[in-house]
């Protein structure tokens, strides 16, 4: 047994080619879509869950930008609304009408 400072040495890491990774990712997707749990998938394919998570993320990178739909700008304001402390509500005022009203009330 190989040891380093009295501890067993880790076996050399397995290197997977791009084709092998892509094949395993497809297998994982198929197994997951069939309802297999991630723990069962890990046991089936023989690759660690962390490694599979990295491979799956790399296979489906998040888009840098998301599409945005810009709607038309409002053509006109519905007007201002004033609600008094006693509950009266006045709708559809222009700024001039509001200033006039406040001047007369104040």
PDB file of N, CA and C in Angstrom:
ATOM      1  N   UNK A   1       0.848  -1.178   0.000  1.00  0.00           N
ATOM      2  CA  UNK A   1       0.000   0.000   0.000  1.00  0.00           C
ATOM      3  C   UNK A   1       0.893   1.241   0.000  1.00  0.00           C
ATOM      4  N   UNK A   2       0.600   2.168  -0.868  1.00  0.00           N
ATOM      5  CA  UNK A   2       1.341   3.433  -0.898  1.00  0.00           C
ATOM      6  C   UNK A   2       0.873   4.298   0.255  1.00  0.00           C
ATOM      7  N   UNK A   3       1.814   4.889   0.951  1.00  0.00           N
ATOM      8  CA  UNK A   3       1.446   5.775   2.050  1.00  0.00           C
ATOM      9  C   UNK A   3       2.239   7.060   1.959  1.00  0.00           C
ATOM     10  N   UNK A   4       1.625   8.097   2.465  1.00  0.00           N
ATOM     11  CA  UNK A   4       2.281   9.393   2.571  1.00  0.00           C
ATOM     12  C   UNK A   4       2.154   9.792   4.028  1.00  0.00           C
ATOM     13  N   UNK A   5       3.287   9.895   4.711  1.00  0.00           N
ATOM     14  CA  UNK A   5       3.325  10.265   6.135  1.00  0.00           C
ATOM     15  C   UNK A   5       2.391   9.383   6.953  1.00  0.00           C
ATOM     16  N   UNK A   6       2.354   8.095   6.630  1.00  0.00           N
ATOM     17  CA  UNK A   6       1.547   7.166   7.400  1.00  0.00           C
ATOM     18  C   UNK A   6       0.091   7.067   6.984  1.00  0.00           C
ATOM     19  N   UNK A   7      -0.358   7.911   6.034  1.00  0.00           N
ATOM     20  CA  UNK A   7      -1.741   7.869   5.566  1.00  0.00           C
ATOM     21  C   UNK A   7      -1.776   7.202   4.200  1.00  0.00           C
ATOM     22  N   UNK A   8      -2.823   6.437   3.921  1.00  0.00           N
ATOM     23  CA  UNK A   8      -2.905   5.813   2.601  1.00  0.00           C
ATOM     24  C   UNK A   8      -3.021   6.881   1.520  1.00  0.00           C
ATOM     25  N   UNK A   9      -2.315   6.705   0.437  1.00  0.00           N
ATOM     26  CA  UNK A   9      -2.377   7.658  -0.676  1.00  0.00           C
ATOM     27  C   UNK A   9      -3.661   7.417  -1.463  1.00  0.00           C
ATOM     28  N   UNK A  10      -4.214   8.493  -1.999  1.00  0.00           N
ATOM     29  CA  UNK A  10      -5.410   8.368  -2.837  1.00  0.00           C
ATOM     30  C   UNK A  10      -5.013   7.738  -4.161  1.00  0.00           C
ATOM     31  N   UNK A  11      -5.889   6.931  -4.712  1.00  0.00           N
ATOM     32  CA  UNK A  11      -5.579   6.404  -6.040  1.00  0.00           C
ATOM     33  C   UNK A  11      -5.564   7.549  -7.043  1.00  0.00           C
ATOM     34  N   UNK A  12      -4.860   7.402  -8.135  1.00  0.00           N
ATOM     35  CA  UNK A  12      -4.839   8.493  -9.114  1.00  0.00           C
ATOM     36  C   UNK A  12      -6.247   8.765  -9.630  1.00  0.00           C
ATOM     37  N   UNK A  13      -6.518  10.026  -9.872  1.00  0.00           N
ATOM     38  CA  UNK A  13      -7.845  10.410 -10.344  1.00  0.00           C
ATOM     39  C   UNK A  13      -8.038   9.979 -11.783  1.00  0.00           C
ATOM     40  N   UNK A  14      -9.250   9.572 -12.063  1.00  0.00           N
ATOM     41  CA  UNK A  14      -9.607   9.156 -13.409  1.00  0.00           C
ATOM     42  C   UNK A  14      -9.884  10.393 -14.227  1.00  0.00           C
ATOM     43  N   UNK A  15      -9.284  10.495 -15.390  1.00  0.00           N
ATOM     44  CA  UNK A  15      -9.534  11.604 -16.312  1.00  0.00           C
ATOM     45  C   UNK A  15     -10.517  11.126 -17.368  1.00  0.00           C
ATOM     46  N   UNK A  16     -11.552  11.914 -17.597  1.00  0.00           N
ATOM     47  CA  UNK A  16     -12.561  11.573 -18.588  1.00  0.00           C
ATOM     48  C   UNK A  16     -12.392  12.479 -19.802  1.00  0.00           C
ATOM     49  N   UNK A  17     -12.500  11.900 -20.983  1.00  0.00           N
ATOM     50  CA  UNK A  17     -12.448  12.708 -22.204  1.00  0.00           C
ATOM     51  C   UNK A  17     -13.763  13.479 -22.326  1.00  0.00           C
ATOM     52  N   UNK A  18     -13.771  14.458 -23.189  1.00  0.00           N
ATOM     53  CA  UNK A  18     -14.988  15.242 -23.397  1.00  0.00           C
ATOM     54  C   UNK A  18     -16.130  14.337 -23.861  1.00  0.00           C
ATOM     55  N   UNK A  19     -15.824  13.391 -24.746  1.00  0.00           N
ATOM     56  CA  UNK A  19     -16.851  12.483 -25.246  1.00  0.00           C
ATOM     57  C   UNK A  19     -17.416  11.618 -24.116  1.00  0.00           C
ATOM     58  N   UNK A  20     -16.534  11.158 -23.220  1.00  0.00           N
ATOM     59  CA  UNK A  20     -16.995  10.362 -22.081  1.00  0.00           C
ATOM     60  C   UNK A  20     -17.892  11.193 -21.165  1.00  0.00           C
ATOM     61  N   UNK A  21     -17.481  12.428 -20.895  1.00  0.00           N
ATOM     62  CA  UNK A  21     -18.295  13.301 -20.034  1.00  0.00           C
ATOM     63  C   UNK A  21     -19.660  13.551 -20.655  1.00  0.00           C
ATOM     64  N   UNK A  22     -19.677  13.847 -21.962  1.00  0.00           N
ATOM     65  CA  UNK A  22     -20.951  14.105 -22.637  1.00  0.00           C
ATOM     66  C   UNK A  22     -21.853  12.874 -22.587  1.00  0.00           C
ATOM     67  N   UNK A  23     -21.261  11.694 -22.775  1.00  0.00           N
ATOM     68  CA  UNK A  23     -22.043  10.462 -22.703  1.00  0.00           C
ATOM     69  C   UNK A  23     -22.617  10.222 -21.322  1.00  0.00           C
ATOM     70  N   UNK A  24     -21.810  10.479 -20.305  1.00  0.00           N
ATOM     71  CA  UNK A  24     -22.277  10.298 -18.929  1.00  0.00           C
ATOM     72  C   UNK A  24     -23.366  11.310 -18.603  1.00  0.00           C
ATOM     73  N   UNK A  25     -23.209  12.554 -19.060  1.00  0.00           N
ATOM     74  CA  UNK A  25     -24.227  13.582 -18.817  1.00  0.00           C
ATOM     75  C   UNK A  25     -25.545  13.163 -19.456  1.00  0.00           C
ATOM     76  N   UNK A  26     -25.508  12.651 -20.673  1.00  0.00           N
ATOM     77  CA  UNK A  26     -26.734  12.191 -21.330  1.00  0.00           C
ATOM     78  C   UNK A  26     -27.357  11.031 -20.556  1.00  0.00           C
ATOM     79  N   UNK A  27     -26.525  10.121 -20.080  1.00  0.00           N
ATOM     80  CA  UNK A  27     -27.018   8.991 -19.295  1.00  0.00           C
ATOM     81  C   UNK A  27     -27.669   9.486 -18.005  1.00  0.00           C
ATOM     82  N   UNK A  28     -27.044  10.449 -17.354  1.00  0.00           N
ATOM     83  CA  UNK A  28     -27.595  11.013 -16.120  1.00  0.00           C
ATOM     84  C   UNK A  28     -28.945  11.658 -16.401  1.00  0.00           C
ATOM     85  N   UNK A  29     -29.039  12.426 -17.463  1.00  0.00           N
ATOM     86  CA  UNK A  29     -30.318  13.070 -17.810  1.00  0.00           C
ATOM     87  C   UNK A  29     -31.405  12.030 -18.050  1.00  0.00           C
ATOM     88  N   UNK A  30     -31.054  10.975 -18.765  1.00  0.00           N
ATOM     89  CA  UNK A  30     -32.023   9.923 -19.064  1.00  0.00           C
ATOM     90  C   UNK A  30     -32.480   9.234 -17.772  1.00  0.00           C
ATOM     91  N   UNK A  31     -31.527   8.886 -16.915  1.00  0.00           N
ATOM     92  CA  UNK A  31     -31.874   8.218 -15.662  1.00  0.00           C
ATOM     93  C   UNK A  31     -32.720   9.117 -14.760  1.00  0.00           C
ATOM     94  N   UNK A  32     -32.368  10.394 -14.692  1.00  0.00           N
ATOM     95  CA  UNK A  32     -33.137  11.340 -13.864  1.00  0.00           C
ATOM     96  C   UNK A  32     -34.544  11.520 -14.417  1.00  0.00           C
ATOM     97  N   UNK A  33     -34.677  11.578 -15.759  1.00  0.00           N
ATOM     98  CA  UNK A  33     -36.015  11.740 -16.339  1.00  0.00           C
ATOM     99  C   UNK A  33     -36.863  10.489 -16.127  1.00  0.00           C
ATOM    100  N   UNK A  34     -36.210   9.340 -15.934  1.00  0.00           N
ATOM    101  CA  UNK A  34     -36.933   8.101 -15.620  1.00  0.00           C
ATOM    102  C   UNK A  34     -37.324   8.030 -14.148  1.00  0.00           C
ATOM    103  N   UNK A  35     -36.921   9.030 -13.363  1.00  0.00           N
ATOM    104  CA  UNK A  35     -37.324   9.102 -11.962  1.00  0.00           C
ATOM    105  C   UNK A  35     -36.295   8.602 -10.970  1.00  0.00           C
ATOM    106  N   UNK A  36     -35.094   8.299 -11.432  1.00  0.00           N
ATOM    107  CA  UNK A  36     -34.065   7.798 -10.522  1.00  0.00           C
ATOM    108  C   UNK A  36     -33.533   8.948  -9.672  1.00  0.00           C
ATOM    109  N   UNK A  37     -33.297   8.670  -8.398  1.00  0.00           N
ATOM    110  CA  UNK A  37     -32.750   9.699  -7.511  1.00  0.00           C
ATOM    111  C   UNK A  37     -31.292   9.971  -7.877  1.00  0.00           C
ATOM    112  N   UNK A  38     -30.807  11.132  -7.462  1.00  0.00           N
ATOM    113  CA  UNK A  38     -29.423  11.490  -7.768  1.00  0.00           C
ATOM    114  C   UNK A  38     -28.454  10.526  -7.088  1.00  0.00           C
ATOM    115  N   UNK A  39     -28.779  10.086  -5.885  1.00  0.00           N
ATOM    116  CA  UNK A  39     -27.910   9.121  -5.196  1.00  0.00           C
ATOM    117  C   UNK A  39     -27.810   7.820  -5.985  1.00  0.00           C
ATOM    118  N   UNK A  40     -28.928   7.363  -6.522  1.00  0.00           N
ATOM    119  CA  UNK A  40     -28.922   6.137  -7.317  1.00  0.00           C
ATOM    120  C   UNK A  40     -28.167   6.341  -8.627  1.00  0.00           C
ATOM    121  N   UNK A  41     -28.310   7.531  -9.219  1.00  0.00           N
ATOM    122  CA  UNK A  41     -27.592   7.839 -10.463  1.00  0.00           C
ATOM    123  C   UNK A  41     -26.091   7.821 -10.210  1.00  0.00           C
ATOM    124  N   UNK A  42     -25.658   8.434  -9.114  1.00  0.00           N
ATOM    125  CA  UNK A  42     -24.235   8.470  -8.765  1.00  0.00           C
ATOM    126  C   UNK A  42     -23.696   7.047  -8.638  1.00  0.00           C
ATOM    127  N   UNK A  43     -24.446   6.186  -7.964  1.00  0.00           N
ATOM    128  CA  UNK A  43     -24.018   4.794  -7.808  1.00  0.00           C
ATOM    129  C   UNK A  43     -23.989   4.082  -9.158  1.00  0.00           C
ATOM    130  N   UNK A  44     -24.939   4.402 -10.023  1.00  0.00           N
ATOM    131  CA  UNK A  44     -25.033   3.747 -11.337  1.00  0.00           C
ATOM    132  C   UNK A  44     -23.868   4.113 -12.249  1.00  0.00           C
ATOM    133  N   UNK A  45     -23.542   5.416 -12.321  1.00  0.00           N
ATOM    134  CA  UNK A  45     -22.515   5.850 -13.281  1.00  0.00           C
ATOM    135  C   UNK A  45     -21.113   5.836 -12.685  1.00  0.00           C
ATOM    136  N   UNK A  46     -20.994   5.779 -11.360  1.00  0.00           N
ATOM    137  CA  UNK A  46     -19.682   5.675 -10.745  1.00  0.00           C
ATOM    138  C   UNK A  46     -18.865   6.952 -10.742  1.00  0.00           C
ATOM    139  N   UNK A  47     -19.541   8.088 -10.760  1.00  0.00           N
ATOM    140  CA  UNK A  47     -18.873   9.396 -10.706  1.00  0.00           C
ATOM    141  C   UNK A  47     -19.456  10.135  -9.509  1.00  0.00           C
ATOM    142  N   UNK A  48     -18.644  10.912  -8.814  1.00  0.00           N
ATOM    143  CA  UNK A  48     -19.125  11.601  -7.611  1.00  0.00           C
ATOM    144  C   UNK A  48     -20.220  12.601  -7.957  1.00  0.00           C
ATOM    145  N   UNK A  49     -21.053  12.867  -6.956  1.00  0.00           N
ATOM    146  CA  UNK A  49     -22.155  13.804  -7.156  1.00  0.00           C
ATOM    147  C   UNK A  49     -21.636  15.204  -7.473  1.00  0.00           C
ATOM    148  N   UNK A  50     -20.549  15.620  -6.839  1.00  0.00           N
ATOM    149  CA  UNK A  50     -19.993  16.943  -7.100  1.00  0.00           C
ATOM    150  C   UNK A  50     -19.492  17.045  -8.541  1.00  0.00           C
ATOM    151  N   UNK A  51     -18.827  16.002  -9.007  1.00  0.00           N
ATOM    152  CA  UNK A  51     -18.336  16.001 -10.388  1.00  0.00           C
ATOM    153  C   UNK A  51     -19.501  16.044 -11.362  1.00  0.00           C
ATOM    154  N   UNK A  52     -20.541  15.238 -11.101  1.00  0.00           N
ATOM    155  CA  UNK A  52     -21.715  15.254 -11.979  1.00  0.00           C
ATOM    156  C   UNK A  52     -22.379  16.627 -11.983  1.00  0.00           C
ATOM    157  N   UNK A  53     -22.461  17.265 -10.823  1.00  0.00           N
ATOM    158  CA  UNK A  53     -23.069  18.597 -10.749  1.00  0.00           C
ATOM    159  C   UNK A  53     -22.288  19.587 -11.604  1.00  0.00           C
ATOM    160  N   UNK A  54     -20.968  19.518 -11.562  1.00  0.00           N
ATOM    161  CA  UNK A  54     -20.137  20.412 -12.382  1.00  0.00           C
ATOM    162  C   UNK A  54     -20.348  20.139 -13.864  1.00  0.00           C
ATOM    163  N   UNK A  55     -20.389  18.870 -14.232  1.00  0.00           N
ATOM    164  CA  UNK A  55     -20.578  18.522 -15.635  1.00  0.00           C
ATOM    165  C   UNK A  55     -21.952  18.951 -16.138  1.00  0.00           C
ATOM    166  N   UNK A  56     -22.980  18.753 -15.319  1.00  0.00           N
ATOM    167  CA  UNK A  56     -24.329  19.155 -15.722  1.00  0.00           C
ATOM    168  C   UNK A  56     -24.429  20.668 -15.864  1.00  0.00           C
ATOM    169  N   UNK A  57     -23.800  21.387 -14.954  1.00  0.00           N
ATOM    170  CA  UNK A  57     -23.823  22.854 -15.031  1.00  0.00           C
ATOM    171  C   UNK A  57     -23.089  23.334 -16.275  1.00  0.00           C
ATOM    172  N   UNK A  58     -21.956  22.717 -16.585  1.00  0.00           N
ATOM    173  CA  UNK A  58     -21.192  23.108 -17.773  1.00  0.00           C
ATOM    174  C   UNK A  58     -21.955  22.777 -19.050  1.00  0.00           C
ATOM    175  N   UNK A  59     -22.762  21.716 -19.018  1.00  0.00           N
ATOM    176  CA  UNK A  59     -23.527  21.323 -20.202  1.00  0.00           C
ATOM    177  C   UNK A  59     -24.712  22.251 -20.442  1.00  0.00           C
ATOM    178  N   UNK A  60     -25.192  22.930 -19.405  1.00  0.00           N
ATOM    179  CA  UNK A  60     -26.326  23.851 -19.512  1.00  0.00           C
ATOM    180  C   UNK A  60     -25.965  25.185 -18.888  1.00  0.00           C
ATOM    181  N   UNK A  61     -25.078  25.951 -19.509  1.00  0.00           N
ATOM    182  CA  UNK A  61     -24.709  27.232 -18.896  1.00  0.00           C
ATOM    183  C   UNK A  61     -25.901  28.185 -18.874  1.00  0.00           C
ATOM    184  N   UNK A  62     -25.984  28.960 -17.811  1.00  0.00           N
ATOM    185  CA  UNK A  62     -27.050  29.951 -17.700  1.00  0.00           C
ATOM    186  C   UNK A  62     -26.817  31.042 -18.735  1.00  0.00           C
ATOM    187  N   UNK A  63     -27.882  31.514 -19.377  1.00  0.00           N
ATOM    188  CA  UNK A  63     -27.695  32.578 -20.364  1.00  0.00           C
ATOM    189  C   UNK A  63     -27.180  33.851 -19.697  1.00  0.00           C
ATOM    190  N   UNK A  64     -26.303  34.547 -20.405  1.00  0.00           N
ATOM    191  CA  UNK A  64     -25.749  35.788 -19.866  1.00  0.00           C
ATOM    192  C   UNK A  64     -26.823  36.872 -19.807  1.00  0.00           C
ATOM    193  N   UNK A  65     -27.722  36.852 -20.771  1.00  0.00           N
ATOM    194  CA  UNK A  65     -28.795  37.831 -20.825  1.00  0.00           C
ATOM    195  C   UNK A  65     -30.116  37.098 -20.998  1.00  0.00           C
ATOM    196  N   UNK A  66     -31.152  37.624 -20.430  1.00  0.00           N
ATOM    197  CA  UNK A  66     -32.479  37.059 -20.590  1.00  0.00           C
ATOM    198  C   UNK A  66     -33.274  37.946 -21.526  1.00  0.00           C
ATOM    199  N   UNK A  67     -34.159  37.375 -22.339  1.00  0.00           N
ATOM    200  CA  UNK A  67     -34.947  38.202 -23.249  1.00  0.00           C
ATOM    201  C   UNK A  67     -35.904  39.104 -22.471  1.00  0.00           C
ATOM    202  N   UNK A  68     -36.077  40.292 -22.983  1.00  0.00           N
ATOM    203  CA  UNK A  68     -36.952  41.273 -22.356  1.00  0.00           C
ATOM    204  C   UNK A  68     -37.930  41.774 -23.402  1.00  0.00           C
ATOM    205  N   UNK A  69     -39.185  41.877 -23.028  1.00  0.00           N
ATOM    206  CA  UNK A  69     -40.200  42.428 -23.918  1.00  0.00           C
ATOM    207  C   UNK A  69     -40.519  43.830 -23.423  1.00  0.00           C
ATOM    208  N   UNK A  70     -40.335  44.792 -24.296  1.00  0.00           N
ATOM    209  CA  UNK A  70     -40.604  46.182 -23.942  1.00  0.00           C
ATOM    210  C   UNK A  70     -41.968  46.549 -24.498  1.00  0.00           C
ATOM    211  N   UNK A  71     -42.847  46.948 -23.618  1.00  0.00           N
ATOM    212  CA  UNK A  71     -44.189  47.337 -24.032  1.00  0.00           C
ATOM    213  C   UNK A  71     -44.227  48.801 -24.441  1.00  0.00           C
ATOM    214  N   UNK A  72     -45.322  49.212 -25.019  1.00  0.00           N
ATOM    215  CA  UNK A  72     -45.433  50.615 -25.432  1.00  0.00           C
ATOM    216  C   UNK A  72     -45.465  51.540 -24.215  1.00  0.00           C
ATOM    217  N   UNK A  73     -44.916  52.709 -24.403  1.00  0.00           N
ATOM    218  CA  UNK A  73     -44.922  53.707 -23.332  1.00  0.00           C
ATOM    219  C   UNK A  73     -46.344  54.223 -23.148  1.00  0.00           C
ATOM    220  N   UNK A  74     -46.714  54.558 -21.936  1.00  0.00           N
ATOM    221  CA  UNK A  74     -48.056  55.117 -21.728  1.00  0.00           C
ATOM    222  C   UNK A  74     -48.216  56.402 -22.526  1.00  0.00           C
ATOM    223  N   UNK A  75     -49.361  56.529 -23.164  1.00  0.00           N
ATOM    224  CA  UNK A  75     -49.583  57.700 -24.013  1.00  0.00           C
ATOM    225  C   UNK A  75     -50.048  58.904 -23.217  1.00  0.00           C
ATOM    226  N   UNK A  76     -50.834  58.669 -22.199  1.00  0.00           N
ATOM    227  CA  UNK A  76     -51.277  59.805 -21.399  1.00  0.00           C
ATOM    228  C   UNK A  76     -51.523  59.343 -19.970  1.00  0.00           C
ATOM    229  N   UNK A  77     -51.436  60.284 -19.081  1.00  0.00           N
ATOM    230  CA  UNK A  77     -51.672  59.978 -17.681  1.00  0.00           C
ATOM    231  C   UNK A  77     -53.170  59.966 -17.423  1.00  0.00           C
ATOM    232  N   UNK A  78     -53.598  59.114 -16.531  1.00  0.00           N
ATOM    233  CA  UNK A  78     -55.015  59.076 -16.174  1.00  0.00           C
ATOM    234  C   UNK A  78     -55.365  60.245 -15.268  1.00  0.00           C
ATOM    235  N   UNK A  79     -54.385  61.023 -14.912  1.00  0.00           N
ATOM    236  CA  UNK A  79     -54.628  62.162 -14.046  1.00  0.00           C
ATOM    237  C   UNK A  79     -54.266  61.840 -12.614  1.00  0.00           C
ATOM    238  N   UNK A  80     -54.174  62.852 -11.814  1.00  0.00           N
ATOM    239  CA  UNK A  80     -53.818  62.699 -10.412  1.00  0.00           C
ATOM    240  C   UNK A  80     -55.064  62.411  -9.588  1.00  0.00           C
ATOM    241  N   UNK A  81     -54.872  61.768  -8.463  1.00  0.00           N
ATOM    242  CA  UNK A  81     -55.969  61.446  -7.558  1.00  0.00           C
ATOM    243  C   UNK A  81     -55.626  61.996  -6.180  1.00  0.00           C
ATOM    244  N   UNK A  82     -56.605  62.631  -5.565  1.00  0.00           N
ATOM    245  CA  UNK A  82     -56.441  63.158  -4.213  1.00  0.00           C
ATOM    246  C   UNK A  82     -57.453  62.455  -3.323  1.00  0.00           C
ATOM    247  N   UNK A  83     -56.973  61.959  -2.180  1.00  0.00           N
ATOM    248  CA  UNK A  83     -57.857  61.358  -1.179  1.00  0.00           C
ATOM    249  C   UNK A  83     -57.682  62.167   0.095  1.00  0.00           C
ATOM    250  N   UNK A  84     -58.770  62.720   0.581  1.00  0.00           N
ATOM    251  CA  UNK A  84     -58.706  63.557   1.776  1.00  0.00           C
ATOM    252  C   UNK A  84     -58.711  62.688   3.030  1.00  0.00           C
ATOM    253  N   UNK A  85     -58.280  63.253   4.170  1.00  0.00           N
ATOM    254  CA  UNK A  85     -58.303  62.486   5.424  1.00  0.00           C
ATOM    255  C   UNK A  85     -59.708  62.003   5.793  1.00  0.00           C
ATOM    256  N   UNK A  86     -60.730  62.709   5.370  1.00  0.00           N
ATOM    257  CA  UNK A  86     -62.099  62.288   5.700  1.00  0.00           C
ATOM    258  C   UNK A  86     -62.655  61.294   4.681  1.00  0.00           C
ATOM    259  N   UNK A  87     -61.847  60.905   3.672  1.00  0.00           N
ATOM    260  CA  UNK A  87     -62.260  59.850   2.756  1.00  0.00           C
ATOM    261  C   UNK A  87     -62.759  60.314   1.401  1.00  0.00           C
ATOM    262  N   UNK A  88     -62.803  61.623   1.157  1.00  0.00           N
ATOM    263  CA  UNK A  88     -63.218  62.080  -0.168  1.00  0.00           C
ATOM    264  C   UNK A  88     -62.124  61.759  -1.177  1.00  0.00           C
ATOM    265  N   UNK A  89     -62.557  61.363  -2.357  1.00  0.00           N
ATOM    266  CA  UNK A  89     -61.605  60.982  -3.404  1.00  0.00           C
ATOM    267  C   UNK A  89     -61.917  61.800  -4.652  1.00  0.00           C
ATOM    268  N   UNK A  90     -60.903  62.498  -5.165  1.00  0.00           N
ATOM    269  CA  UNK A  90     -61.052  63.303  -6.382  1.00  0.00           C
ATOM    270  C   UNK A  90     -60.056  62.753  -7.393  1.00  0.00           C
ATOM    271  N   UNK A  91     -60.566  62.303  -8.546  1.00  0.00           N
ATOM    272  CA  UNK A  91     -59.716  61.656  -9.547  1.00  0.00           C
ATOM    273  C   UNK A  91     -59.660  62.470 -10.829  1.00  0.00           C
ATOM    274  N   UNK A  92     -58.613  62.235 -11.608  1.00  0.00           N
ATOM    275  CA  UNK A  92     -58.499  62.810 -12.942  1.00  0.00           C
ATOM    276  C   UNK A  92     -58.030  64.252 -12.974  1.00  0.00           C
ATOM    277  N   UNK A  93     -57.366  64.704 -11.944  1.00  0.00           N
ATOM    278  CA  UNK A  93     -56.913  66.092 -11.893  1.00  0.00           C
ATOM    279  C   UNK A  93     -55.628  66.277 -12.691  1.00  0.00           C
ATOM    280  N   UNK A  94     -55.508  67.432 -13.305  1.00  0.00           N
ATOM    281  CA  UNK A  94     -54.228  67.829 -13.886  1.00  0.00           C
ATOM    282  C   UNK A  94     -53.421  68.473 -12.770  1.00  0.00           C
ATOM    283  N   UNK A  95     -52.150  68.699 -13.021  1.00  0.00           N
ATOM    284  CA  UNK A  95     -51.312  69.323 -12.000  1.00  0.00           C
ATOM    285  C   UNK A  95     -51.815  70.730 -11.691  1.00  0.00           C
ATOM    286  N   UNK A  96     -52.209  71.481 -12.715  1.00  0.00           N
ATOM    287  CA  UNK A  96     -52.727  72.840 -12.486  1.00  0.00           C
ATOM    288  C   UNK A  96     -53.997  72.807 -11.644  1.00  0.00           C
ATOM    289  N   UNK A  97     -54.904  71.870 -11.957  1.00  0.00           N
ATOM    290  CA  UNK A  97     -56.152  71.773 -11.198  1.00  0.00           C
ATOM    291  C   UNK A  97     -55.869  71.379  -9.750  1.00  0.00           C
ATOM    292  N   UNK A  98     -54.904  70.492  -9.549  1.00  0.00           N
ATOM    293  CA  UNK A  98     -54.546  70.087  -8.193  1.00  0.00           C
ATOM    294  C   UNK A  98     -53.979  71.266  -7.409  1.00  0.00           C
ATOM    295  N   UNK A  99     -53.086  72.032  -8.040  1.00  0.00           N
ATOM    296  CA  UNK A  99     -52.505  73.194  -7.357  1.00  0.00           C
ATOM    297  C   UNK A  99     -53.576  74.224  -7.024  1.00  0.00           C
ATOM    298  N   UNK A 100     -54.516  74.434  -7.929  1.00  0.00           N
ATOM    299  CA  UNK A 100     -55.610  75.374  -7.676  1.00  0.00           C
ATOM    300  C   UNK A 100     -56.456  74.893  -6.502  1.00  0.00           C
ATOM    301  N   UNK A 101     -56.787  73.604  -6.500  1.00  0.00           N
ATOM    302  CA  UNK A 101     -57.595  73.035  -5.422  1.00  0.00           C
ATOM    303  C   UNK A 101     -56.884  73.173  -4.078  1.00  0.00           C
ATOM    304  N   UNK A 102     -55.598  72.818  -4.046  1.00  0.00           N
ATOM    305  CA  UNK A 102     -54.849  72.919  -2.797  1.00  0.00           C
ATOM    306  C   UNK A 102     -54.734  74.363  -2.333  1.00  0.00           C
ATOM    307  N   UNK A 103     -54.596  75.285  -3.284  1.00  0.00           N
ATOM    308  CA  UNK A 103     -54.520  76.703  -2.925  1.00  0.00           C
ATOM    309  C   UNK A 103     -55.812  77.199  -2.305  1.00  0.00           C
ATOM    310  N   UNK A 104     -56.944  76.736  -2.814  1.00  0.00           N
ATOM    311  CA  UNK A 104     -58.231  77.176  -2.279  1.00  0.00           C
ATOM    312  C   UNK A 104     -58.552  76.515  -0.937  1.00  0.00           C
ATOM    313  N   UNK A 105     -58.073  75.278  -0.771  1.00  0.00           N
ATOM    314  CA  UNK A 105     -58.345  74.579   0.485  1.00  0.00           C
ATOM    315  C   UNK A 105     -57.399  75.007   1.600  1.00  0.00           C
ATOM    316  N   UNK A 106     -56.202  75.421   1.213  1.00  0.00           N
ATOM    317  CA  UNK A 106     -55.168  75.630   2.194  1.00  0.00           C
ATOM    318  C   UNK A 106     -55.059  76.953   2.766  1.00  0.00           C
TER     319      UNK A 106
END
